[in-house]
Amino acid sequence: MNNLLNRWRNADPAFKAFLLGVFFLGINAGVLSAAFNNYLNDSFHLTSQQRGFLEFPREIPGFLVLFMAGLLAAFPVRKWAILTSLLTAVGVAGLGFMSPSYNMMVVWMLLWSAGSHLFMTVESVMGLRFAKEGAHGRKLGQISGMTNFAAISGAGFVWAVAKIAGPAIYRWSFFAAALASLASAFLFARMEKGGEEAAPGGKRFVFRWKYKWYYLLNIIFGARKQIFLTFAPWVLVTVYGASPALMAALALAAAAAGVVFRQAFGALVDRVGERKMLAADAVILLGVCAGFGFSSFRPLLYFLFILDNLMFAARIARTTYLNKIVESKADLSPTISLGVTLDHALSMSVPAAGGLLWAAYGYKSVFMVASLLSVAGFLTALALNDGRGKAAAPAAPQPVTPD
């Protein structure tokens, strides 16, 4: 503990301010991950098909991240962070207090989604810039672990409120989430100039063939992510009757495990390389798909739900891989933003298609199709050159010429 405190005291003040801001924004994420699906089910009584189609508007801001980043390119990423917190705060407050109809709910959801998706670029760029050479995965793991630690507070709040608030659970939960987002905006605004200089916005747009595997990894992840963000909790809520308290407990368990897991994942990326870690992620995804497709044993499904949440840490490996191959550090922000946009090009369509597939053939068919993504992800991971292949052959001896 003393060692941890000493490391905190000696840390870069800009990084400490950023990490605290991440903590409060993570509380917001924890509340929404625990309560949003039950909120939709209890407040608007959506069918599985309607739930799938709702992901289209929710993911539009993710698709537009590239364009938002272009508009903000003249500003340092520190100011992007402030904007993300404010958008999130307004959107979540609207969900809780100004959503008398489905259409109004969608408006506030778009604001919340815009903030949370833009922060994906902020988190990655700032994490890379604060990291020491050779420890990029570890630094991103620390930031991701802090997000999970904060999510424990958010999910724990929902779990506690679910016991006492009754129908008012969503207002109390979303109010707390909005306050946490405002606190994060305040902390990001207090970051010292060192952090601002460390992370300029960069160029407006970058597309290079050299980054093709990074783009493809994001496309595959976009499809995989939305299937499990949308349909795994929806299966638990609508097929197995999971209550808000249970969903909060699962989110709490995933966040608690993620505090350690994501930091370990980041350190392991630095040690063994992105190729092996992304291949392992693909194999685990295949097991998760098989579990949801063939098993009705609830404890196993709960475990797989938590495991899949943990494996979202694979984003660390994608980011560090890009950092290794990038031609210029100015390419980072626009390339990560393009990755988010490609991710969400799939995210907008996959849930709607999954909803139709569910309606026609049942929910298990969705996970059977998702298993194909694990194969695509595995093959892509094998194609990566993360600099940890065979050691370079020794140089051939030079012929000796007589004087």
Protein backbone atom coordinates (compact mmCIF):
# COMPACT_ATOMS: atom_id res chain seq x y z
CA MET A 1 0.00 0.00 0.00
CA ASN A 2 2.84 2.40 0.86
CA ASN A 3 4.46 1.64 -2.49
CA LEU A 4 1.18 2.40 -4.27
CA LEU A 5 0.80 5.70 -2.40
CA ASN A 6 4.38 6.70 -3.20
CA ARG A 7 3.83 5.96 -6.89
CA TRP A 8 0.69 8.11 -6.81
CA ARG A 9 2.52 11.03 -5.12
CA ASN A 10 5.33 10.87 -7.66
CA ALA A 11 3.07 10.54 -10.69
CA ASP A 12 2.73 13.29 -13.30
CA PRO A 13 0.13 15.78 -11.94
CA ALA A 14 -1.54 15.92 -15.37
CA PHE A 15 -1.87 12.14 -15.38
CA LYS A 16 -3.33 12.14 -11.87
CA ALA A 17 -5.96 14.68 -12.89
CA PHE A 18 -6.75 12.65 -15.99
CA LEU A 19 -7.00 9.39 -14.03
CA LEU A 20 -9.38 10.95 -11.50
CA GLY A 21 -11.51 12.27 -14.35
CA VAL A 22 -11.57 8.76 -15.83
CA PHE A 23 -12.71 7.46 -12.44
CA PHE A 24 -15.79 9.71 -12.30
CA LEU A 25 -16.65 9.05 -15.94
CA GLY A 26 -16.34 5.35 -15.14
CA ILE A 27 -18.99 5.73 -12.42
CA ASN A 28 -21.33 6.97 -15.12
CA ALA A 29 -20.49 3.97 -17.30
CA GLY A 30 -21.11 1.59 -14.40
CA VAL A 31 -24.56 3.02 -13.75
CA LEU A 32 -25.58 2.79 -17.41
CA SER A 33 -24.22 -0.72 -17.95
CA ALA A 34 -26.15 -1.95 -14.92
CA ALA A 35 -29.44 -0.13 -15.49
CA PHE A 36 -29.97 0.73 -19.16
CA ASN A 37 -31.43 -2.56 -20.41
CA ASN A 38 -33.84 -2.83 -17.50
CA TYR A 39 -34.73 0.85 -17.97
CA LEU A 40 -35.71 0.17 -21.58
CA ASN A 41 -37.66 -2.93 -20.66
CA ASP A 42 -39.52 -1.38 -17.71
CA SER A 43 -40.14 2.07 -19.19
CA PHE A 44 -40.85 1.31 -22.87
CA HIS A 45 -41.54 -2.46 -22.97
CA LEU A 46 -39.48 -3.07 -26.12
CA THR A 47 -39.57 -6.34 -28.03
CA SER A 48 -36.28 -8.05 -28.92
CA GLN A 49 -36.60 -6.73 -32.47
CA GLN A 50 -37.19 -3.16 -31.24
CA ARG A 51 -34.24 -3.48 -28.86
CA GLY A 52 -32.02 -4.50 -31.74
CA PHE A 53 -33.14 -1.60 -33.93
CA LEU A 54 -32.57 0.88 -31.08
CA GLU A 55 -28.84 0.19 -31.37
CA PHE A 56 -28.83 1.87 -34.79
CA PRO A 57 -29.44 5.40 -33.45
CA ARG A 58 -27.40 4.68 -30.30
CA GLU A 59 -24.38 3.81 -32.41
CA ILE A 60 -24.69 6.71 -34.88
CA PRO A 61 -22.40 8.95 -32.72
CA GLY A 62 -19.81 6.17 -32.75
CA PHE A 63 -19.93 6.13 -36.55
CA LEU A 64 -19.54 9.93 -36.54
CA VAL A 65 -16.49 9.94 -34.22
CA LEU A 66 -14.19 10.41 -37.22
CA PHE A 67 -16.07 13.56 -38.19
CA MET A 68 -16.27 14.84 -34.59
CA ALA A 69 -12.52 14.32 -34.27
CA GLY A 70 -11.99 16.24 -37.51
CA LEU A 71 -14.00 19.18 -36.20
CA LEU A 72 -12.02 19.13 -32.94
CA ALA A 73 -8.59 18.52 -34.49
CA ALA A 74 -7.44 22.08 -33.79
CA PHE A 75 -8.01 21.61 -30.06
CA PRO A 76 -5.90 19.57 -27.62
CA VAL A 77 -7.37 16.22 -26.60
CA ARG A 78 -7.72 17.55 -23.04
CA LYS A 79 -10.56 19.76 -24.27
CA TRP A 80 -12.11 16.80 -26.05
CA ALA A 81 -12.24 15.12 -22.65
CA ILE A 82 -14.14 18.04 -21.12
CA LEU A 83 -16.65 17.98 -23.96
CA THR A 84 -17.22 14.23 -23.62
CA SER A 85 -18.04 14.61 -19.93
CA LEU A 86 -20.49 17.45 -20.50
CA LEU A 87 -22.30 15.65 -23.32
CA THR A 88 -22.56 12.53 -21.19
CA ALA A 89 -23.88 14.45 -18.18
CA VAL A 90 -26.62 16.18 -20.18
CA GLY A 91 -27.64 13.01 -21.99
CA VAL A 92 -27.91 10.85 -18.88
CA ALA A 93 -29.81 13.54 -16.97
CA GLY A 94 -32.24 13.69 -19.89
CA LEU A 95 -32.77 9.94 -19.75
CA GLY A 96 -33.69 10.15 -16.11
CA PHE A 97 -35.85 13.28 -16.01
CA MET A 98 -36.87 14.39 -19.51
CA SER A 99 -37.92 11.23 -21.36
CA PRO A 100 -41.72 11.14 -21.25
CA SER A 101 -41.78 9.43 -24.64
CA TYR A 102 -39.67 6.98 -26.60
CA ASN A 103 -38.65 9.66 -29.12
CA MET A 104 -37.40 12.02 -26.41
CA MET A 105 -35.48 9.15 -24.84
CA VAL A 106 -33.69 8.62 -28.16
CA VAL A 107 -32.64 12.29 -28.27
CA TRP A 108 -31.00 12.14 -24.83
CA MET A 109 -29.51 8.75 -25.62
CA LEU A 110 -27.78 10.29 -28.65
CA LEU A 111 -26.10 12.95 -26.48
CA TRP A 112 -24.96 10.39 -23.93
CA SER A 113 -23.70 8.15 -26.73
CA ALA A 114 -21.80 11.01 -28.41
CA GLY A 115 -19.87 11.72 -25.23
CA SER A 116 -19.07 8.11 -24.42
CA HIS A 117 -17.94 7.29 -27.96
CA LEU A 118 -15.71 10.33 -28.37
CA PHE A 119 -14.01 9.39 -25.11
CA MET A 120 -12.79 6.16 -26.72
CA THR A 121 -10.34 8.24 -28.76
CA VAL A 122 -9.47 10.46 -25.79
CA GLU A 123 -8.67 7.53 -23.51
CA SER A 124 -6.42 5.80 -26.03
CA VAL A 125 -4.51 8.89 -27.17
CA MET A 126 -3.93 10.23 -23.66
CA GLY A 127 -2.90 6.81 -22.38
CA LEU A 128 -0.30 6.38 -25.14
CA ARG A 129 1.10 9.86 -24.60
CA PHE A 130 1.49 9.41 -20.85
CA ALA A 131 3.17 5.99 -21.21
CA LYS A 132 6.89 5.30 -21.13
CA GLU A 133 8.46 3.51 -24.08
CA GLY A 134 7.78 -0.23 -23.95
CA ALA A 135 5.04 0.14 -21.33
CA HIS A 136 2.12 1.37 -23.43
CA GLY A 137 -0.02 -1.68 -22.70
CA ARG A 138 0.57 -1.33 -18.98
CA LYS A 139 -0.45 2.36 -18.98
CA LEU A 140 -3.59 1.67 -21.00
CA GLY A 141 -4.32 -1.21 -18.64
CA GLN A 142 -4.03 1.13 -15.65
CA ILE A 143 -6.52 3.55 -17.20
CA SER A 144 -8.87 0.74 -18.16
CA GLY A 145 -8.53 -0.75 -14.67
CA MET A 146 -9.45 2.61 -13.15
CA THR A 147 -12.56 2.70 -15.34
CA ASN A 148 -13.53 -0.72 -14.03
CA PHE A 149 -12.84 0.28 -10.45
CA ALA A 150 -15.13 3.26 -10.92
CA ALA A 151 -17.77 1.09 -12.58
CA ILE A 152 -17.93 -0.89 -9.34
CA SER A 153 -19.19 2.25 -7.63
CA GLY A 154 -21.72 2.90 -10.38
CA ALA A 155 -23.05 -0.65 -10.51
CA GLY A 156 -22.96 -0.86 -6.72
CA PHE A 157 -25.07 2.27 -6.48
CA VAL A 158 -27.68 0.78 -8.82
CA TRP A 159 -27.67 -2.46 -6.83
CA ALA A 160 -28.18 -0.58 -3.54
CA VAL A 161 -30.85 1.75 -4.93
CA ALA A 162 -32.72 -1.19 -6.50
CA LYS A 163 -33.38 -2.47 -2.99
CA ILE A 164 -35.01 0.73 -1.71
CA ALA A 165 -36.09 3.03 -4.54
CA GLY A 166 -38.64 0.89 -6.36
CA PRO A 167 -39.88 2.55 -9.58
CA ALA A 168 -37.68 5.60 -8.87
CA ILE A 169 -34.51 3.55 -9.34
CA TYR A 170 -33.76 4.97 -12.76
CA ARG A 171 -34.13 8.61 -11.77
CA TRP A 172 -31.85 8.18 -8.77
CA SER A 173 -29.32 6.19 -10.78
CA PHE A 174 -29.17 8.53 -13.76
CA PHE A 175 -28.99 11.59 -11.52
CA ALA A 176 -25.94 10.12 -9.78
CA ALA A 177 -24.39 9.28 -13.17
CA ALA A 178 -24.88 12.86 -14.40
CA LEU A 179 -23.23 14.30 -11.28
CA ALA A 180 -20.27 11.96 -11.75
CA SER A 181 -19.86 13.14 -15.35
CA LEU A 182 -19.86 16.78 -14.25
CA ALA A 183 -17.15 15.96 -11.72
CA SER A 184 -15.05 14.39 -14.47
CA ALA A 185 -15.43 17.53 -16.63
CA PHE A 186 -14.16 19.63 -13.71
CA LEU A 187 -11.12 17.38 -13.28
CA PHE A 188 -10.27 17.31 -16.97
CA ALA A 189 -10.47 21.11 -16.99
CA ARG A 190 -7.94 21.23 -14.15
CA MET A 191 -5.33 19.19 -16.01
CA GLU A 192 -2.08 21.08 -16.19
CA LYS A 193 -0.74 22.29 -19.48
CA GLY A 194 1.79 19.45 -19.59
CA GLY A 195 -0.96 17.00 -20.30
CA GLU A 196 -2.42 19.33 -22.91
CA GLU A 197 0.87 19.61 -24.77
CA ALA A 198 1.33 15.85 -24.58
CA ALA A 199 -1.79 15.12 -26.60
CA PRO A 200 -2.56 17.48 -29.49
CA GLY A 201 -5.60 16.70 -31.56
CA GLY A 202 -3.48 15.79 -34.61
CA LYS A 203 -4.58 15.66 -38.24
CA ARG A 204 -8.16 15.78 -39.43
CA PHE A 205 -8.15 12.55 -41.43
CA VAL A 206 -5.72 9.70 -42.08
CA PHE A 207 -6.15 6.54 -44.14
CA ARG A 208 -3.12 4.37 -44.89
CA TRP A 209 -2.93 0.85 -46.34
CA LYS A 210 -0.23 0.14 -43.75
CA TYR A 211 -2.90 0.26 -41.05
CA LYS A 212 -5.22 -2.25 -42.79
CA TRP A 213 -5.10 -4.90 -40.06
CA TYR A 214 -5.91 -2.30 -37.43
CA TYR A 215 -8.95 -1.26 -39.45
CA LEU A 216 -10.07 -4.87 -39.91
CA LEU A 217 -9.67 -5.63 -36.20
CA ASN A 218 -11.97 -2.72 -35.40
CA ILE A 219 -14.56 -3.86 -37.94
CA ILE A 220 -14.63 -7.38 -36.47
CA PHE A 221 -14.76 -6.02 -32.94
CA GLY A 222 -17.65 -3.71 -33.85
CA ALA A 223 -19.79 -6.67 -34.87
CA ARG A 224 -18.72 -8.85 -31.94
CA LYS A 225 -19.14 -6.08 -29.38
CA GLN A 226 -22.68 -5.17 -30.36
CA ILE A 227 -23.93 -8.73 -30.35
CA PHE A 228 -22.85 -9.10 -26.76
CA LEU A 229 -23.67 -5.58 -25.56
CA THR A 230 -27.16 -5.87 -27.02
CA PHE A 231 -28.21 -9.50 -26.95
CA ALA A 232 -26.30 -11.12 -24.09
CA PRO A 233 -27.93 -8.88 -21.43
CA TRP A 234 -31.22 -8.97 -23.34
CA VAL A 235 -31.20 -12.77 -23.17
CA LEU A 236 -30.56 -12.65 -19.44
CA VAL A 237 -33.30 -10.06 -18.85
CA THR A 238 -36.04 -11.36 -21.16
CA VAL A 239 -35.37 -15.11 -21.42
CA TYR A 240 -34.05 -15.83 -17.94
CA GLY A 241 -35.82 -13.01 -16.04
CA ALA A 242 -32.72 -11.32 -14.64
CA SER A 243 -33.75 -8.46 -12.34
CA PRO A 244 -32.12 -4.98 -12.18
CA ALA A 245 -30.40 -6.08 -8.98
CA LEU A 246 -28.95 -9.19 -10.65
CA MET A 247 -27.79 -7.29 -13.72
CA ALA A 248 -26.16 -4.73 -11.43
CA ALA A 249 -24.48 -7.55 -9.51
CA LEU A 250 -23.11 -9.03 -12.75
CA ALA A 251 -21.85 -5.61 -13.85
CA LEU A 252 -20.33 -5.19 -10.40
CA ALA A 253 -18.57 -8.54 -10.63
CA ALA A 254 -17.25 -7.78 -14.12
CA ALA A 255 -15.98 -4.39 -13.01
CA ALA A 256 -14.33 -5.80 -9.87
CA ALA A 257 -12.55 -8.51 -11.84
CA GLY A 258 -11.62 -5.98 -14.51
CA VAL A 259 -9.69 -3.80 -12.07
CA VAL A 260 -7.01 -6.48 -11.88
CA PHE A 261 -7.64 -8.25 -15.18
CA ARG A 262 -7.26 -5.22 -17.44
CA GLN A 263 -4.01 -4.12 -15.83
CA ALA A 264 -2.67 -7.67 -16.13
CA PHE A 265 -3.88 -7.84 -19.73
CA GLY A 266 -2.05 -4.60 -20.58
CA ALA A 267 1.18 -5.80 -18.95
CA LEU A 268 0.89 -9.14 -20.76
CA VAL A 269 0.46 -7.34 -24.10
CA ASP A 270 3.79 -5.60 -23.46
CA ARG A 271 5.37 -8.95 -22.61
CA VAL A 272 4.06 -11.40 -25.24
CA GLY A 273 2.77 -9.10 -27.98
CA GLU A 274 -0.52 -8.21 -29.60
CA ARG A 275 -0.63 -11.19 -31.96
CA LYS A 276 -0.93 -13.82 -29.22
CA MET A 277 -3.29 -11.77 -27.06
CA LEU A 278 -5.73 -11.05 -29.89
CA ALA A 279 -5.65 -14.69 -31.00
CA ALA A 280 -6.48 -15.75 -27.44
CA ASP A 281 -9.36 -13.26 -27.38
CA ALA A 282 -10.80 -14.86 -30.52
CA VAL A 283 -10.63 -18.35 -29.00
CA ILE A 284 -12.36 -17.15 -25.82
CA LEU A 285 -15.08 -15.50 -27.92
CA LEU A 286 -15.79 -18.85 -29.58
CA GLY A 287 -16.34 -20.40 -26.15
CA VAL A 288 -18.66 -17.59 -25.10
CA CYS A 289 -20.74 -18.01 -28.27
CA ALA A 290 -20.99 -21.75 -27.69
CA GLY A 291 -22.13 -21.20 -24.12
CA PHE A 292 -24.92 -18.79 -25.01
CA GLY A 293 -25.90 -20.91 -28.01
CA PHE A 294 -26.07 -24.33 -26.36
CA SER A 295 -26.36 -23.91 -22.60
CA SER A 296 -29.28 -22.88 -20.40
CA PHE A 297 -27.31 -23.32 -17.17
CA ARG A 298 -27.67 -19.88 -15.64
CA PRO A 299 -24.48 -19.80 -13.53
CA LEU A 300 -22.48 -20.61 -16.67
CA LEU A 301 -24.24 -17.87 -18.63
CA TYR A 302 -23.52 -15.38 -15.84
CA PHE A 303 -19.85 -16.40 -15.88
CA LEU A 304 -19.64 -16.08 -19.67
CA PHE A 305 -21.32 -12.67 -19.50
CA ILE A 306 -18.62 -11.50 -17.09
CA LEU A 307 -15.83 -13.12 -19.13
CA ASP A 308 -16.94 -11.43 -22.32
CA ASN A 309 -16.99 -8.08 -20.53
CA LEU A 310 -13.43 -8.70 -19.38
CA MET A 311 -12.25 -9.52 -22.90
CA PHE A 312 -13.23 -6.08 -24.12
CA ALA A 313 -9.73 -5.35 -22.78
CA ALA A 314 -8.51 -6.54 -26.18
CA ARG A 315 -8.90 -2.92 -27.26
CA ILE A 316 -5.63 -2.31 -25.40
CA ALA A 317 -3.83 -4.69 -27.78
CA ARG A 318 -5.35 -3.04 -30.85
CA THR A 319 -4.22 0.38 -29.64
CA THR A 320 -0.66 -0.67 -28.79
CA TYR A 321 -0.38 -2.46 -32.15
CA LEU A 322 -1.32 0.78 -33.91
CA ASN A 323 1.19 2.69 -31.80
CA LYS A 324 3.92 0.31 -33.03
CA ILE A 325 3.17 0.67 -36.73
CA VAL A 326 2.06 4.31 -36.89
CA GLU A 327 4.16 6.46 -39.23
CA SER A 328 3.72 9.62 -37.19
CA LYS A 329 2.34 10.30 -33.72
CA ALA A 330 0.10 12.89 -35.38
CA ASP A 331 -1.65 9.93 -37.04
CA LEU A 332 -2.81 8.50 -33.71
CA SER A 333 -5.92 10.58 -32.98
CA PRO A 334 -7.41 10.46 -36.49
CA THR A 335 -6.55 6.77 -36.96
CA ILE A 336 -8.05 5.74 -33.63
CA SER A 337 -11.10 7.86 -34.49
CA LEU A 338 -11.36 6.13 -37.88
CA GLY A 339 -11.12 2.80 -36.07
CA VAL A 340 -14.03 3.78 -33.84
CA THR A 341 -16.03 4.84 -36.90
CA LEU A 342 -15.35 1.54 -38.69
CA ASP A 343 -16.25 -0.31 -35.50
CA HIS A 344 -19.58 1.48 -35.39
CA ALA A 345 -20.35 1.09 -39.07
CA LEU A 346 -20.97 -2.53 -38.08
CA SER A 347 -22.42 -1.63 -34.69
CA MET A 348 -25.29 0.25 -36.31
CA SER A 349 -26.40 -2.61 -38.54
CA VAL A 350 -25.53 -5.80 -36.65
CA PRO A 351 -28.07 -5.36 -33.79
CA ALA A 352 -30.92 -4.74 -36.24
CA ALA A 353 -29.94 -7.82 -38.23
CA GLY A 354 -29.57 -9.76 -35.00
CA GLY A 355 -33.03 -8.69 -33.89
CA LEU A 356 -34.51 -9.97 -37.14
CA LEU A 357 -32.54 -13.20 -36.81
CA TRP A 358 -33.78 -13.64 -33.22
CA ALA A 359 -37.40 -13.03 -34.29
CA ALA A 360 -37.12 -15.59 -37.12
CA TYR A 361 -35.02 -18.37 -35.58
CA GLY A 362 -34.65 -17.65 -31.86
CA TYR A 363 -31.90 -16.03 -29.84
CA LYS A 364 -29.45 -18.96 -30.13
CA SER A 365 -29.08 -18.33 -33.85
CA VAL A 366 -27.61 -14.90 -33.08
CA PHE A 367 -24.75 -16.46 -31.13
CA MET A 368 -24.16 -19.12 -33.74
CA VAL A 369 -23.60 -16.41 -36.34
CA ALA A 370 -21.41 -14.53 -33.86
CA SER A 371 -19.11 -17.55 -33.61
CA LEU A 372 -18.01 -16.84 -37.19
CA LEU A 373 -16.55 -13.57 -35.94
CA SER A 374 -14.20 -15.46 -33.66
CA VAL A 375 -12.78 -17.30 -36.67
CA ALA A 376 -12.31 -14.02 -38.57
CA GLY A 377 -10.66 -12.44 -35.52
CA PHE A 378 -8.31 -15.37 -35.07
CA LEU A 379 -7.15 -15.29 -38.70
CA THR A 380 -6.63 -11.53 -38.55
CA ALA A 381 -4.59 -11.82 -35.35
CA LEU A 382 -2.31 -14.37 -37.03
CA ALA A 383 -1.68 -11.88 -39.86
CA LEU A 384 -0.27 -9.23 -37.50
CA ASN A 385 3.39 -8.41 -37.30
CA ASP A 386 3.84 -7.12 -33.79
CA GLY A 387 7.63 -7.24 -33.85
CA ARG A 388 7.79 -10.46 -31.83
CA GLY A 389 8.24 -12.96 -34.62
CA LYS A 390 11.36 -14.88 -35.26
CA ALA A 391 14.48 -13.09 -34.29
CA ALA A 392 16.23 -11.42 -37.15
CA ALA A 393 18.83 -13.61 -38.80
CA PRO A 394 22.41 -12.62 -38.06
CA ALA A 395 24.06 -10.57 -40.73
CA ALA A 396 26.05 -12.55 -43.24
CA PRO A 397 29.82 -12.31 -42.73
CA GLN A 398 31.44 -9.78 -45.02
CA PRO A 399 34.04 -11.15 -47.41
CA VAL A 400 37.59 -10.32 -46.49
CA THR A 401 39.43 -8.59 -49.25
CA PRO A 402 43.19 -8.38 -49.39
CA ASP A 403 44.75 -5.00 -48.85
